[in-house]
Amino acid sequence: MSWWKTLSFGLFLLCSASAIKAQREYEITPFIGSRFGGNIDLSQQGNPNVDFLKVKSSINYGVMGGVTFWQNFEGEFMWNRQPTSLSAHNPADGTYSPVSNMNFDMYQFDVLYSFLSPERKLRPFVVAGLGFSHYGVEPVNGQSVLGFSNRFAYNLGGGVKYFFNRHWGLRAELRWSPTHSTSSQDVFCDPEFGCAPSTSANKVEQGQVNAGVIFRFGK
């Protein structure tokens, strides 16, 4: 699924959720945290001196906006930016060389389920979603570093909300958030049909820990 189809589908879900009037509540949550881990696989790119680019762990920040659409379920959109940098790994000696700076932006459409009733102050939740990530890599000597910019991404996580009153509270969460990057050529073998070439997507495997302030309004 291309990233623009994912975006269109996510917008459709949020608009559909907003159209349901029963128990409609809205939340806006600016947040800050840390995103860590992640390599961009270049092992099949033909450069013997670089097998992957390491994404430096760093802070991330953004905003989440959600609407309750059915009982304890929310439709949610998250924008998340990680100002970071890329370093090239040399497989011969294990050293890293700086390559470029990068703004790694995630755009995710999520479904969130909160446990316990809306009147409770403490509400654990689980969340999952999909969308795309934008690799905003600064060019080097006028040349593109990656040769692509947008890739499919998804996330899975959980956390807790604590409300001081009906209109505001705090939110803390942990997410696993992989993003597709380059592709690898493999050979798939089936006992009935034999072997054939196949293409698989490499992923930038990342985790993130976020905390933010919830502003809630509506019914």
N, C-alpha and C. Protein backbone atom coordinates (compact mmCIF):
# COMPACT_ATOMS: atom_id res chain seq x y z
N MET A 1 0.85 -1.19 0.00
CA MET A 1 0.00 0.00 0.00
C MET A 1 0.89 1.24 0.00
N SER A 2 0.68 2.12 -0.95
CA SER A 2 1.48 3.33 -1.02
C SER A 2 1.10 4.27 0.11
N TRP A 3 2.01 5.20 0.43
CA TRP A 3 1.77 6.06 1.59
C TRP A 3 0.57 6.95 1.39
N TRP A 4 0.29 7.40 0.15
CA TRP A 4 -0.86 8.29 -0.04
C TRP A 4 -2.17 7.55 0.11
N LYS A 5 -2.21 6.27 -0.24
CA LYS A 5 -3.41 5.48 0.00
C LYS A 5 -3.62 5.29 1.50
N THR A 6 -2.53 5.07 2.23
CA THR A 6 -2.63 4.96 3.68
C THR A 6 -3.16 6.24 4.29
N LEU A 7 -2.66 7.38 3.81
CA LEU A 7 -3.12 8.68 4.31
C LEU A 7 -4.61 8.86 4.05
N SER A 8 -5.07 8.55 2.85
CA SER A 8 -6.48 8.69 2.49
C SER A 8 -7.35 7.79 3.35
N PHE A 9 -6.91 6.57 3.57
CA PHE A 9 -7.67 5.63 4.38
C PHE A 9 -7.76 6.12 5.83
N GLY A 10 -6.65 6.65 6.36
CA GLY A 10 -6.65 7.17 7.73
C GLY A 10 -7.59 8.35 7.88
N LEU A 11 -7.58 9.25 6.90
CA LEU A 11 -8.49 10.40 6.94
C LEU A 11 -9.94 9.94 6.91
N PHE A 12 -10.23 8.91 6.11
CA PHE A 12 -11.59 8.38 6.05
C PHE A 12 -12.02 7.84 7.41
N LEU A 13 -11.11 7.12 8.10
CA LEU A 13 -11.46 6.57 9.40
C LEU A 13 -11.75 7.66 10.41
N LEU A 14 -10.90 8.71 10.43
CA LEU A 14 -11.11 9.79 11.39
C LEU A 14 -12.38 10.56 11.09
N CYS A 15 -12.66 10.80 9.82
CA CYS A 15 -13.90 11.50 9.47
C CYS A 15 -15.12 10.67 9.83
N SER A 16 -15.05 9.37 9.64
CA SER A 16 -16.16 8.50 10.00
C SER A 16 -16.37 8.50 11.50
N ALA A 17 -15.25 8.49 12.23
CA ALA A 17 -15.35 8.51 13.69
C ALA A 17 -15.98 9.81 14.17
N SER A 18 -15.61 10.92 13.55
CA SER A 18 -16.12 12.22 13.96
C SER A 18 -17.62 12.34 13.70
N ALA A 19 -18.11 11.60 12.73
CA ALA A 19 -19.53 11.70 12.38
C ALA A 19 -20.44 11.03 13.39
N ILE A 20 -19.89 10.19 14.26
CA ILE A 20 -20.69 9.49 15.25
C ILE A 20 -20.82 10.38 16.48
N LYS A 21 -22.05 10.73 16.86
CA LYS A 21 -22.27 11.74 17.88
C LYS A 21 -22.30 11.19 19.29
N ALA A 22 -22.56 9.91 19.46
CA ALA A 22 -22.73 9.37 20.80
C ALA A 22 -21.40 9.40 21.55
N GLN A 23 -21.43 9.99 22.75
CA GLN A 23 -20.27 10.01 23.64
C GLN A 23 -19.04 10.60 22.97
N ARG A 24 -19.22 11.59 22.14
CA ARG A 24 -18.07 12.17 21.43
C ARG A 24 -17.24 13.03 22.38
N GLU A 25 -15.96 12.71 22.49
CA GLU A 25 -15.00 13.52 23.24
C GLU A 25 -13.74 13.67 22.40
N TYR A 26 -13.05 14.78 22.60
CA TYR A 26 -11.84 15.08 21.84
C TYR A 26 -10.67 15.26 22.79
N GLU A 27 -9.49 14.85 22.32
CA GLU A 27 -8.26 15.05 23.09
C GLU A 27 -7.16 15.58 22.18
N ILE A 28 -6.46 16.57 22.67
CA ILE A 28 -5.25 17.08 22.01
C ILE A 28 -4.09 16.91 22.99
N THR A 29 -3.02 16.25 22.55
CA THR A 29 -1.90 15.94 23.44
C THR A 29 -0.57 16.29 22.79
N PRO A 30 -0.01 17.46 23.08
CA PRO A 30 1.39 17.71 22.69
C PRO A 30 2.31 16.87 23.58
N PHE A 31 3.39 16.35 23.00
CA PHE A 31 4.24 15.44 23.77
C PHE A 31 5.71 15.61 23.39
N ILE A 32 6.55 15.07 24.24
CA ILE A 32 7.99 15.00 24.00
C ILE A 32 8.49 13.68 24.56
N GLY A 33 9.58 13.17 23.99
CA GLY A 33 10.09 11.90 24.46
C GLY A 33 11.41 11.55 23.79
N SER A 34 11.61 10.26 23.61
CA SER A 34 12.85 9.77 23.01
C SER A 34 12.52 8.65 22.04
N ARG A 35 13.16 8.69 20.85
CA ARG A 35 13.04 7.59 19.88
C ARG A 35 14.42 6.97 19.72
N PHE A 36 14.49 5.66 19.78
CA PHE A 36 15.79 5.00 19.84
C PHE A 36 15.85 3.80 18.91
N GLY A 37 17.09 3.51 18.48
CA GLY A 37 17.33 2.36 17.63
C GLY A 37 17.07 2.66 16.16
N GLY A 38 17.42 1.69 15.31
CA GLY A 38 17.09 1.77 13.90
C GLY A 38 18.28 1.82 12.97
N ASN A 39 18.28 0.90 11.99
CA ASN A 39 19.29 0.88 10.94
C ASN A 39 18.62 0.81 9.57
N ILE A 40 19.21 1.47 8.58
CA ILE A 40 18.75 1.41 7.20
C ILE A 40 19.67 0.45 6.46
N ASP A 41 19.13 -0.69 6.06
CA ASP A 41 19.94 -1.76 5.45
C ASP A 41 20.37 -1.37 4.04
N LEU A 42 21.69 -1.40 3.81
CA LEU A 42 22.25 -1.13 2.48
C LEU A 42 23.11 -2.30 1.99
N SER A 43 22.89 -3.48 2.57
CA SER A 43 23.77 -4.62 2.27
C SER A 43 23.68 -5.08 0.82
N GLN A 44 22.57 -4.76 0.14
CA GLN A 44 22.43 -5.17 -1.26
C GLN A 44 22.57 -3.99 -2.22
N GLN A 45 23.19 -2.92 -1.75
CA GLN A 45 23.35 -1.73 -2.60
C GLN A 45 24.66 -1.73 -3.37
N GLY A 46 25.50 -2.72 -3.16
CA GLY A 46 26.73 -2.86 -3.94
C GLY A 46 27.92 -2.06 -3.43
N ASN A 47 27.84 -1.51 -2.24
CA ASN A 47 28.98 -0.77 -1.66
C ASN A 47 29.63 -1.63 -0.58
N PRO A 48 30.82 -2.17 -0.81
CA PRO A 48 31.45 -3.06 0.18
C PRO A 48 31.87 -2.34 1.46
N ASN A 49 31.91 -1.01 1.43
CA ASN A 49 32.36 -0.25 2.60
C ASN A 49 31.21 0.17 3.52
N VAL A 50 29.97 -0.04 3.11
CA VAL A 50 28.80 0.35 3.92
C VAL A 50 27.75 -0.75 3.83
N ASP A 51 27.39 -1.34 4.97
CA ASP A 51 26.31 -2.33 4.96
C ASP A 51 25.02 -1.79 5.57
N PHE A 52 25.10 -0.73 6.38
CA PHE A 52 23.87 -0.09 6.86
C PHE A 52 24.17 1.32 7.35
N LEU A 53 23.12 2.13 7.41
CA LEU A 53 23.19 3.46 8.01
C LEU A 53 22.52 3.41 9.37
N LYS A 54 23.20 3.87 10.38
CA LYS A 54 22.66 3.87 11.74
C LYS A 54 21.91 5.17 12.00
N VAL A 55 20.66 5.05 12.49
CA VAL A 55 19.88 6.21 12.90
C VAL A 55 20.21 6.51 14.36
N LYS A 56 20.71 7.69 14.63
CA LYS A 56 21.10 8.04 16.00
C LYS A 56 19.88 8.20 16.89
N SER A 57 19.91 7.60 18.07
CA SER A 57 18.85 7.77 19.04
C SER A 57 18.84 9.22 19.53
N SER A 58 17.65 9.80 19.68
CA SER A 58 17.57 11.20 20.07
C SER A 58 16.17 11.51 20.58
N ILE A 59 15.95 12.77 20.94
CA ILE A 59 14.62 13.19 21.37
C ILE A 59 13.64 13.14 20.20
N ASN A 60 12.37 13.08 20.51
CA ASN A 60 11.33 13.29 19.51
C ASN A 60 10.21 14.09 20.16
N TYR A 61 9.40 14.72 19.33
CA TYR A 61 8.30 15.53 19.84
C TYR A 61 7.20 15.57 18.79
N GLY A 62 6.01 15.98 19.21
CA GLY A 62 4.91 16.04 18.26
C GLY A 62 3.60 16.31 18.95
N VAL A 63 2.50 15.89 18.30
CA VAL A 63 1.17 16.11 18.84
C VAL A 63 0.27 14.97 18.41
N MET A 64 -0.66 14.61 19.29
CA MET A 64 -1.68 13.60 19.00
C MET A 64 -3.06 14.23 19.15
N GLY A 65 -3.94 13.92 18.22
CA GLY A 65 -5.32 14.39 18.31
C GLY A 65 -6.26 13.22 18.15
N GLY A 66 -7.22 13.07 19.08
CA GLY A 66 -8.10 11.92 19.03
C GLY A 66 -9.55 12.28 19.28
N VAL A 67 -10.44 11.36 18.86
CA VAL A 67 -11.88 11.51 19.10
C VAL A 67 -12.44 10.15 19.48
N THR A 68 -13.24 10.13 20.56
CA THR A 68 -13.91 8.92 20.98
C THR A 68 -15.05 8.61 20.01
N PHE A 69 -15.06 7.40 19.43
CA PHE A 69 -16.10 7.09 18.46
C PHE A 69 -17.01 5.95 18.88
N TRP A 70 -16.60 5.14 19.88
CA TRP A 70 -17.48 4.08 20.36
C TRP A 70 -16.97 3.58 21.70
N GLN A 71 -17.75 3.83 22.75
CA GLN A 71 -17.41 3.41 24.10
C GLN A 71 -15.98 3.81 24.45
N ASN A 72 -15.09 2.85 24.66
CA ASN A 72 -13.72 3.17 25.07
C ASN A 72 -12.73 3.25 23.90
N PHE A 73 -13.22 3.31 22.67
CA PHE A 73 -12.36 3.35 21.50
C PHE A 73 -12.20 4.79 21.00
N GLU A 74 -10.96 5.12 20.60
CA GLU A 74 -10.67 6.42 20.02
C GLU A 74 -9.99 6.25 18.66
N GLY A 75 -10.35 7.12 17.71
CA GLY A 75 -9.56 7.28 16.50
C GLY A 75 -8.57 8.40 16.74
N GLU A 76 -7.32 8.21 16.34
CA GLU A 76 -6.27 9.17 16.71
C GLU A 76 -5.30 9.39 15.55
N PHE A 77 -4.84 10.61 15.44
CA PHE A 77 -3.77 10.95 14.49
C PHE A 77 -2.56 11.41 15.28
N MET A 78 -1.37 10.94 14.89
CA MET A 78 -0.13 11.35 15.55
C MET A 78 0.88 11.84 14.53
N TRP A 79 1.42 13.04 14.77
CA TRP A 79 2.61 13.50 14.05
C TRP A 79 3.76 13.51 15.04
N ASN A 80 4.89 12.96 14.61
CA ASN A 80 6.02 12.73 15.51
C ASN A 80 7.31 13.03 14.75
N ARG A 81 8.10 13.98 15.23
CA ARG A 81 9.37 14.32 14.57
C ARG A 81 10.57 13.94 15.44
N GLN A 82 11.56 13.30 14.81
CA GLN A 82 12.82 12.98 15.45
C GLN A 82 13.96 13.70 14.72
N PRO A 83 14.53 14.76 15.30
CA PRO A 83 15.74 15.37 14.71
C PRO A 83 16.94 14.47 15.02
N THR A 84 17.54 13.91 14.00
CA THR A 84 18.58 12.92 14.23
C THR A 84 19.65 13.02 13.15
N SER A 85 20.50 12.02 13.05
CA SER A 85 21.56 11.98 12.03
C SER A 85 21.82 10.54 11.63
N LEU A 86 22.47 10.38 10.47
CA LEU A 86 22.83 9.07 9.95
C LEU A 86 24.34 8.89 9.95
N SER A 87 24.76 7.67 10.31
CA SER A 87 26.18 7.30 10.25
C SER A 87 26.32 6.01 9.48
N ALA A 88 27.37 5.93 8.64
CA ALA A 88 27.60 4.74 7.81
C ALA A 88 28.46 3.74 8.56
N HIS A 89 28.03 2.47 8.56
CA HIS A 89 28.79 1.40 9.22
C HIS A 89 29.65 0.66 8.21
N ASN A 90 30.94 0.55 8.52
CA ASN A 90 31.88 -0.18 7.67
C ASN A 90 32.01 -1.60 8.20
N PRO A 91 31.56 -2.62 7.44
CA PRO A 91 31.61 -4.00 7.94
C PRO A 91 33.02 -4.54 8.10
N ALA A 92 34.00 -3.94 7.44
CA ALA A 92 35.37 -4.45 7.51
C ALA A 92 36.00 -4.23 8.87
N ASP A 93 35.77 -3.04 9.45
CA ASP A 93 36.41 -2.74 10.74
C ASP A 93 35.42 -2.32 11.83
N GLY A 94 34.12 -2.26 11.50
CA GLY A 94 33.11 -1.94 12.51
C GLY A 94 33.02 -0.48 12.90
N THR A 95 33.65 0.40 12.13
CA THR A 95 33.63 1.83 12.46
C THR A 95 32.43 2.52 11.82
N TYR A 96 32.12 3.72 12.35
CA TYR A 96 31.02 4.54 11.84
C TYR A 96 31.56 5.87 11.35
N SER A 97 31.00 6.34 10.22
CA SER A 97 31.36 7.64 9.66
C SER A 97 30.11 8.50 9.52
N PRO A 98 30.15 9.77 9.97
CA PRO A 98 28.98 10.65 9.82
C PRO A 98 28.61 10.82 8.36
N VAL A 99 27.30 10.84 8.07
CA VAL A 99 26.80 10.99 6.71
C VAL A 99 26.02 12.27 6.55
N SER A 100 24.92 12.42 7.31
CA SER A 100 24.05 13.58 7.13
C SER A 100 23.08 13.69 8.30
N ASN A 101 22.50 14.87 8.45
CA ASN A 101 21.42 15.07 9.41
C ASN A 101 20.09 14.65 8.79
N MET A 102 19.11 14.33 9.64
CA MET A 102 17.81 13.89 9.13
C MET A 102 16.70 14.28 10.11
N ASN A 103 15.60 14.81 9.59
CA ASN A 103 14.36 14.93 10.34
C ASN A 103 13.49 13.74 9.96
N PHE A 104 13.27 12.84 10.92
CA PHE A 104 12.52 11.62 10.67
C PHE A 104 11.09 11.83 11.19
N ASP A 105 10.16 12.10 10.27
CA ASP A 105 8.77 12.43 10.64
C ASP A 105 7.87 11.22 10.44
N MET A 106 7.06 10.93 11.46
CA MET A 106 6.06 9.86 11.36
C MET A 106 4.67 10.46 11.34
N TYR A 107 3.81 9.95 10.46
CA TYR A 107 2.41 10.34 10.38
C TYR A 107 1.58 9.05 10.54
N GLN A 108 0.91 8.93 11.67
CA GLN A 108 0.24 7.67 12.01
C GLN A 108 -1.24 7.87 12.31
N PHE A 109 -2.07 6.95 11.81
CA PHE A 109 -3.49 6.91 12.12
C PHE A 109 -3.73 5.69 13.01
N ASP A 110 -4.19 5.94 14.22
CA ASP A 110 -4.25 4.90 15.25
C ASP A 110 -5.67 4.63 15.71
N VAL A 111 -5.84 3.45 16.28
CA VAL A 111 -7.02 3.12 17.08
C VAL A 111 -6.53 2.84 18.49
N LEU A 112 -7.12 3.52 19.46
CA LEU A 112 -6.71 3.42 20.85
C LEU A 112 -7.87 2.87 21.67
N TYR A 113 -7.57 1.91 22.54
CA TYR A 113 -8.58 1.37 23.45
C TYR A 113 -8.15 1.65 24.88
N SER A 114 -9.01 2.36 25.63
CA SER A 114 -8.75 2.66 27.04
C SER A 114 -9.51 1.70 27.93
N PHE A 115 -8.82 1.17 28.93
CA PHE A 115 -9.46 0.30 29.92
C PHE A 115 -10.15 1.18 30.98
N LEU A 116 -11.08 0.60 31.68
CA LEU A 116 -11.83 1.27 32.76
C LEU A 116 -12.78 2.32 32.17
N SER A 117 -13.60 2.88 33.01
CA SER A 117 -14.63 3.81 32.56
C SER A 117 -14.06 5.21 32.39
N PRO A 118 -14.70 6.06 31.56
CA PRO A 118 -14.21 7.43 31.34
C PRO A 118 -14.18 8.28 32.60
N GLU A 119 -14.93 7.90 33.63
CA GLU A 119 -14.94 8.68 34.87
C GLU A 119 -13.72 8.42 35.75
N ARG A 120 -12.98 7.37 35.47
CA ARG A 120 -11.81 7.03 36.29
C ARG A 120 -10.66 7.98 35.98
N LYS A 121 -9.89 8.32 37.01
CA LYS A 121 -8.75 9.21 36.82
C LYS A 121 -7.60 8.49 36.09
N LEU A 122 -7.34 7.25 36.47
CA LEU A 122 -6.24 6.49 35.89
C LEU A 122 -6.81 5.52 34.86
N ARG A 123 -6.33 5.63 33.60
CA ARG A 123 -6.86 4.80 32.52
C ARG A 123 -5.72 4.22 31.68
N PRO A 124 -5.36 2.95 31.89
CA PRO A 124 -4.40 2.30 30.99
C PRO A 124 -5.00 2.14 29.60
N PHE A 125 -4.12 2.04 28.59
CA PHE A 125 -4.61 1.90 27.21
C PHE A 125 -3.63 1.11 26.37
N VAL A 126 -4.13 0.59 25.26
CA VAL A 126 -3.30 0.01 24.20
C VAL A 126 -3.62 0.76 22.92
N VAL A 127 -2.64 0.82 22.01
CA VAL A 127 -2.80 1.59 20.78
C VAL A 127 -2.07 0.89 19.64
N ALA A 128 -2.63 0.98 18.44
CA ALA A 128 -1.99 0.42 17.24
C ALA A 128 -2.43 1.25 16.05
N GLY A 129 -1.56 1.34 15.06
CA GLY A 129 -1.93 2.13 13.89
C GLY A 129 -0.96 1.95 12.75
N LEU A 130 -1.26 2.67 11.67
CA LEU A 130 -0.41 2.63 10.49
C LEU A 130 -0.42 3.99 9.82
N GLY A 131 0.53 4.17 8.93
CA GLY A 131 0.67 5.43 8.22
C GLY A 131 1.94 5.41 7.39
N PHE A 132 2.71 6.49 7.44
CA PHE A 132 3.97 6.53 6.71
C PHE A 132 4.96 7.41 7.45
N SER A 133 6.22 7.25 7.11
CA SER A 133 7.30 8.07 7.64
C SER A 133 7.99 8.80 6.51
N HIS A 134 8.46 10.02 6.80
CA HIS A 134 9.19 10.82 5.83
C HIS A 134 10.64 10.92 6.26
N TYR A 135 11.55 10.48 5.40
CA TYR A 135 12.98 10.57 5.64
C TYR A 135 13.47 11.92 5.11
N GLY A 136 13.57 12.90 5.99
CA GLY A 136 14.04 14.22 5.58
C GLY A 136 15.54 14.34 5.72
N VAL A 137 16.26 13.70 4.82
CA VAL A 137 17.72 13.66 4.90
C VAL A 137 18.33 14.82 4.12
N GLU A 138 19.25 15.53 4.74
CA GLU A 138 19.95 16.62 4.06
C GLU A 138 20.84 16.05 2.95
N PRO A 139 20.78 16.60 1.73
CA PRO A 139 21.65 16.11 0.64
C PRO A 139 23.13 16.30 0.98
N VAL A 140 23.97 15.45 0.42
CA VAL A 140 25.42 15.53 0.59
C VAL A 140 26.04 15.87 -0.77
N ASN A 141 26.71 17.02 -0.84
CA ASN A 141 27.30 17.50 -2.10
C ASN A 141 26.25 17.55 -3.22
N GLY A 142 25.03 17.95 -2.83
CA GLY A 142 23.95 18.08 -3.81
C GLY A 142 23.32 16.78 -4.24
N GLN A 143 23.72 15.66 -3.62
CA GLN A 143 23.21 14.35 -4.01
C GLN A 143 22.33 13.77 -2.91
N SER A 144 21.26 13.09 -3.32
CA SER A 144 20.38 12.43 -2.37
C SER A 144 21.11 11.27 -1.70
N VAL A 145 20.93 11.11 -0.42
CA VAL A 145 21.60 10.04 0.32
C VAL A 145 20.88 8.71 0.14
N LEU A 146 19.55 8.72 0.20
CA LEU A 146 18.78 7.48 0.19
C LEU A 146 18.13 7.17 -1.15
N GLY A 147 17.72 8.19 -1.89
CA GLY A 147 17.00 7.96 -3.14
C GLY A 147 15.52 7.75 -2.95
N PHE A 148 15.01 7.89 -1.73
CA PHE A 148 13.58 7.82 -1.46
C PHE A 148 13.28 8.71 -0.25
N SER A 149 12.01 9.02 -0.02
CA SER A 149 11.67 9.91 1.09
C SER A 149 10.52 9.40 1.95
N ASN A 150 9.48 8.81 1.35
CA ASN A 150 8.31 8.35 2.10
C ASN A 150 8.20 6.83 2.06
N ARG A 151 7.93 6.24 3.23
CA ARG A 151 7.79 4.79 3.33
C ARG A 151 6.69 4.42 4.33
N PHE A 152 6.05 3.28 4.07
CA PHE A 152 5.01 2.76 4.94
C PHE A 152 5.55 2.51 6.35
N ALA A 153 4.73 2.81 7.37
CA ALA A 153 5.13 2.61 8.76
C ALA A 153 3.92 2.19 9.58
N TYR A 154 4.18 1.58 10.72
CA TYR A 154 3.11 1.20 11.63
C TYR A 154 3.63 1.25 13.06
N ASN A 155 2.73 1.08 14.03
CA ASN A 155 3.16 1.14 15.43
C ASN A 155 2.24 0.30 16.30
N LEU A 156 2.77 -0.09 17.45
CA LEU A 156 2.03 -0.86 18.44
C LEU A 156 2.56 -0.47 19.80
N GLY A 157 1.65 -0.17 20.74
CA GLY A 157 2.14 0.27 22.03
C GLY A 157 1.07 0.28 23.10
N GLY A 158 1.42 0.88 24.21
CA GLY A 158 0.51 0.99 25.33
C GLY A 158 1.02 2.02 26.31
N GLY A 159 0.16 2.37 27.24
CA GLY A 159 0.56 3.37 28.22
C GLY A 159 -0.54 3.62 29.22
N VAL A 160 -0.52 4.82 29.79
CA VAL A 160 -1.48 5.17 30.81
C VAL A 160 -1.81 6.65 30.71
N LYS A 161 -3.08 6.98 30.98
CA LYS A 161 -3.53 8.37 31.09
C LYS A 161 -3.96 8.62 32.54
N TYR A 162 -3.64 9.80 33.03
CA TYR A 162 -4.12 10.20 34.36
C TYR A 162 -4.76 11.57 34.25
N PHE A 163 -6.04 11.67 34.63
CA PHE A 163 -6.79 12.92 34.51
C PHE A 163 -6.93 13.57 35.89
N PHE A 164 -6.50 14.83 35.97
CA PHE A 164 -6.68 15.60 37.20
C PHE A 164 -8.13 16.07 37.34
N ASN A 165 -8.76 16.37 36.23
CA ASN A 165 -10.18 16.66 36.18
C ASN A 165 -10.68 16.29 34.80
N ARG A 166 -11.89 16.68 34.46
CA ARG A 166 -12.49 16.25 33.20
C ARG A 166 -11.76 16.80 31.98
N HIS A 167 -11.06 17.90 32.13
CA HIS A 167 -10.54 18.61 30.96
C HIS A 167 -9.04 18.51 30.73
N TRP A 168 -8.27 18.03 31.70
CA TRP A 168 -6.85 17.89 31.40
C TRP A 168 -6.21 16.81 32.28
N GLY A 169 -5.09 16.28 31.74
CA GLY A 169 -4.38 15.23 32.44
C GLY A 169 -3.01 15.00 31.84
N LEU A 170 -2.40 13.88 32.18
CA LEU A 170 -1.07 13.51 31.69
C LEU A 170 -1.14 12.15 30.99
N ARG A 171 -0.24 11.98 30.04
CA ARG A 171 -0.19 10.72 29.27
C ARG A 171 1.25 10.27 29.13
N ALA A 172 1.50 8.98 29.38
CA ALA A 172 2.82 8.38 29.18
C ALA A 172 2.64 7.09 28.40
N GLU A 173 3.55 6.82 27.46
CA GLU A 173 3.38 5.65 26.60
C GLU A 173 4.71 5.13 26.09
N LEU A 174 4.67 3.87 25.65
CA LEU A 174 5.81 3.20 25.02
C LEU A 174 5.31 2.58 23.73
N ARG A 175 6.04 2.81 22.62
CA ARG A 175 5.62 2.26 21.32
C ARG A 175 6.78 1.58 20.61
N TRP A 176 6.43 0.54 19.86
CA TRP A 176 7.32 -0.06 18.86
C TRP A 176 6.85 0.46 17.52
N SER A 177 7.77 1.09 16.74
CA SER A 177 7.34 1.79 15.53
C SER A 177 8.30 1.54 14.37
N PRO A 178 8.13 0.42 13.64
CA PRO A 178 8.97 0.13 12.47
C PRO A 178 8.55 0.95 11.25
N THR A 179 9.53 1.28 10.41
CA THR A 179 9.29 1.96 9.14
C THR A 179 10.02 1.21 8.03
N HIS A 180 9.33 0.95 6.92
CA HIS A 180 9.99 0.32 5.78
C HIS A 180 11.08 1.25 5.23
N SER A 181 12.12 0.64 4.69
CA SER A 181 13.22 1.44 4.12
C SER A 181 13.59 0.88 2.75
N THR A 182 14.69 0.19 2.65
CA THR A 182 15.12 -0.39 1.38
C THR A 182 14.48 -1.77 1.18
N SER A 183 14.77 -2.38 0.03
CA SER A 183 14.24 -3.71 -0.28
C SER A 183 15.38 -4.71 -0.44
N SER A 184 15.08 -5.97 -0.15
CA SER A 184 16.05 -7.05 -0.32
C SER A 184 15.50 -8.08 -1.29
N GLN A 185 16.37 -8.62 -2.12
CA GLN A 185 16.00 -9.67 -3.06
C GLN A 185 16.33 -11.03 -2.45
N ASP A 186 15.33 -11.88 -2.37
CA ASP A 186 15.49 -13.21 -1.80
C ASP A 186 14.97 -14.26 -2.79
N VAL A 187 15.11 -15.49 -2.40
CA VAL A 187 14.57 -16.61 -3.17
C VAL A 187 13.60 -17.37 -2.28
N PHE A 188 12.35 -17.48 -2.73
CA PHE A 188 11.33 -18.20 -1.97
C PHE A 188 11.10 -19.55 -2.63
N CYS A 189 11.14 -20.61 -1.83
CA CYS A 189 10.97 -21.96 -2.36
C CYS A 189 9.73 -22.61 -1.78
N ASP A 190 8.92 -23.17 -2.66
CA ASP A 190 7.70 -23.88 -2.28
C ASP A 190 7.83 -25.33 -2.74
N PRO A 191 7.46 -26.30 -1.87
CA PRO A 191 7.61 -27.72 -2.28
C PRO A 191 6.75 -28.10 -3.47
N GLU A 192 5.67 -27.35 -3.72
CA GLU A 192 4.78 -27.68 -4.84
C GLU A 192 5.18 -26.97 -6.13
N PHE A 193 5.57 -25.69 -6.01
CA PHE A 193 5.78 -24.87 -7.20
C PHE A 193 7.25 -24.52 -7.45
N GLY A 194 8.15 -24.95 -6.58
CA GLY A 194 9.56 -24.68 -6.79
C GLY A 194 9.99 -23.33 -6.25
N CYS A 195 11.13 -22.84 -6.72
CA CYS A 195 11.72 -21.60 -6.20
C CYS A 195 11.53 -20.45 -7.18
N ALA A 196 11.38 -19.27 -6.59
CA ALA A 196 11.20 -18.07 -7.41
C ALA A 196 11.76 -16.87 -6.64
N PRO A 197 12.26 -15.85 -7.37
CA PRO A 197 12.76 -14.66 -6.68
C PRO A 197 11.63 -13.89 -6.00
N SER A 198 11.93 -13.28 -4.87
CA SER A 198 10.94 -12.48 -4.14
C SER A 198 11.61 -11.24 -3.57
N THR A 199 10.80 -10.24 -3.30
CA THR A 199 11.29 -8.98 -2.75
C THR A 199 10.67 -8.76 -1.37
N SER A 200 11.49 -8.42 -0.40
CA SER A 200 11.00 -8.13 0.94
C SER A 200 11.48 -6.75 1.38
N ALA A 201 10.69 -6.12 2.22
CA ALA A 201 11.02 -4.78 2.70
C ALA A 201 11.88 -4.86 3.96
N ASN A 202 13.00 -4.13 3.95
CA ASN A 202 13.77 -3.96 5.18
C ASN A 202 13.09 -2.90 6.04
N LYS A 203 13.30 -2.97 7.34
CA LYS A 203 12.62 -2.07 8.26
C LYS A 203 13.62 -1.37 9.18
N VAL A 204 13.32 -0.11 9.47
CA VAL A 204 14.03 0.62 10.53
C VAL A 204 13.27 0.33 11.82
N GLU A 205 13.80 -0.55 12.63
CA GLU A 205 13.13 -0.95 13.87
C GLU A 205 13.45 0.06 14.97
N GLN A 206 12.42 0.75 15.45
CA GLN A 206 12.61 1.76 16.48
C GLN A 206 11.61 1.58 17.61
N GLY A 207 11.99 2.08 18.77
CA GLY A 207 11.09 2.20 19.90
C GLY A 207 11.01 3.66 20.30
N GLN A 208 9.96 4.02 21.01
CA GLN A 208 9.85 5.39 21.49
C GLN A 208 9.12 5.44 22.82
N VAL A 209 9.54 6.36 23.67
CA VAL A 209 8.92 6.62 24.96
C VAL A 209 8.49 8.08 24.96
N ASN A 210 7.19 8.33 25.19
CA ASN A 210 6.65 9.68 25.10
C ASN A 210 5.86 10.04 26.35
N ALA A 211 5.82 11.34 26.65
CA ALA A 211 4.99 11.85 27.74
C ALA A 211 4.43 13.20 27.29
N GLY A 212 3.16 13.45 27.63
CA GLY A 212 2.54 14.70 27.20
C GLY A 212 1.40 15.12 28.10
N VAL A 213 0.86 16.30 27.81
CA VAL A 213 -0.26 16.87 28.55
C VAL A 213 -1.52 16.73 27.70
N ILE A 214 -2.58 16.17 28.29
CA ILE A 214 -3.85 15.96 27.59
C ILE A 214 -4.79 17.13 27.84
N PHE A 215 -5.35 17.65 26.76
CA PHE A 215 -6.43 18.64 26.86
C PHE A 215 -7.69 17.98 26.28
N ARG A 216 -8.70 17.79 27.12
CA ARG A 216 -9.90 17.06 26.72
C ARG A 216 -11.12 17.97 26.74
N PHE A 217 -11.95 17.83 25.73
CA PHE A 217 -13.18 18.63 25.67
C PHE A 217 -14.23 17.86 24.88
N GLY A 218 -15.46 18.35 24.93
CA GLY A 218 -16.57 17.66 24.29
C GLY A 218 -17.55 17.18 25.34
N LYS A 219 -18.38 16.18 24.99
CA LYS A 219 -19.39 15.66 25.90
C LYS A 219 -18.76 14.98 27.09
